[in-house]
Amino acid sequence: MLEVIDRARLSEAKVLRLTTENSGLLRSNNKLGEENVKLKDTIAQLELRLEAKEKKRKEAEESFAHAAEKLEKKSFEEQIPGVTQKIWAASWRRCLERAGIHDDSPPLRLNPSSRGFGHSHDPY
């Protein structure tokens, strides 16, 4: 009978010890759960920031591409009068050569502000 009582006391002490251990493990588990929630929240915030930065980066790239395209177009448009002048001068020179006239003076340039074939007095 004493042996049974001793076993019961040992079992009771073991149950108490295991209950205490279990309680400690539950507290640790709860703390880990809270940390997990905080980490998930931080991840969500970082993802939102990353999306915003990615959007800004994409907008900046598009803006840069648009500006580069405008600059290229403007540069091309600025070259048109010079190229037109060179073509006109070469054509005029050929016409004069065919006519047997060798004139070293530069041809008059088309006035880009007029709608017709007006000439300016600026040779270039």
Foldseek 3Di string as FASTA:
>chain_A
DVVVVVVVVVVVVVVVVVVVVVVVVVVVVVVVVVVVVVVVVVVVVVVVVVVVVVVVVVVVVVVVVVVVVVVVVVVVVVCVQVVVLVVVQVVVCVVCVVVVHDDPDADFGADVVDPDRDTDPDSD
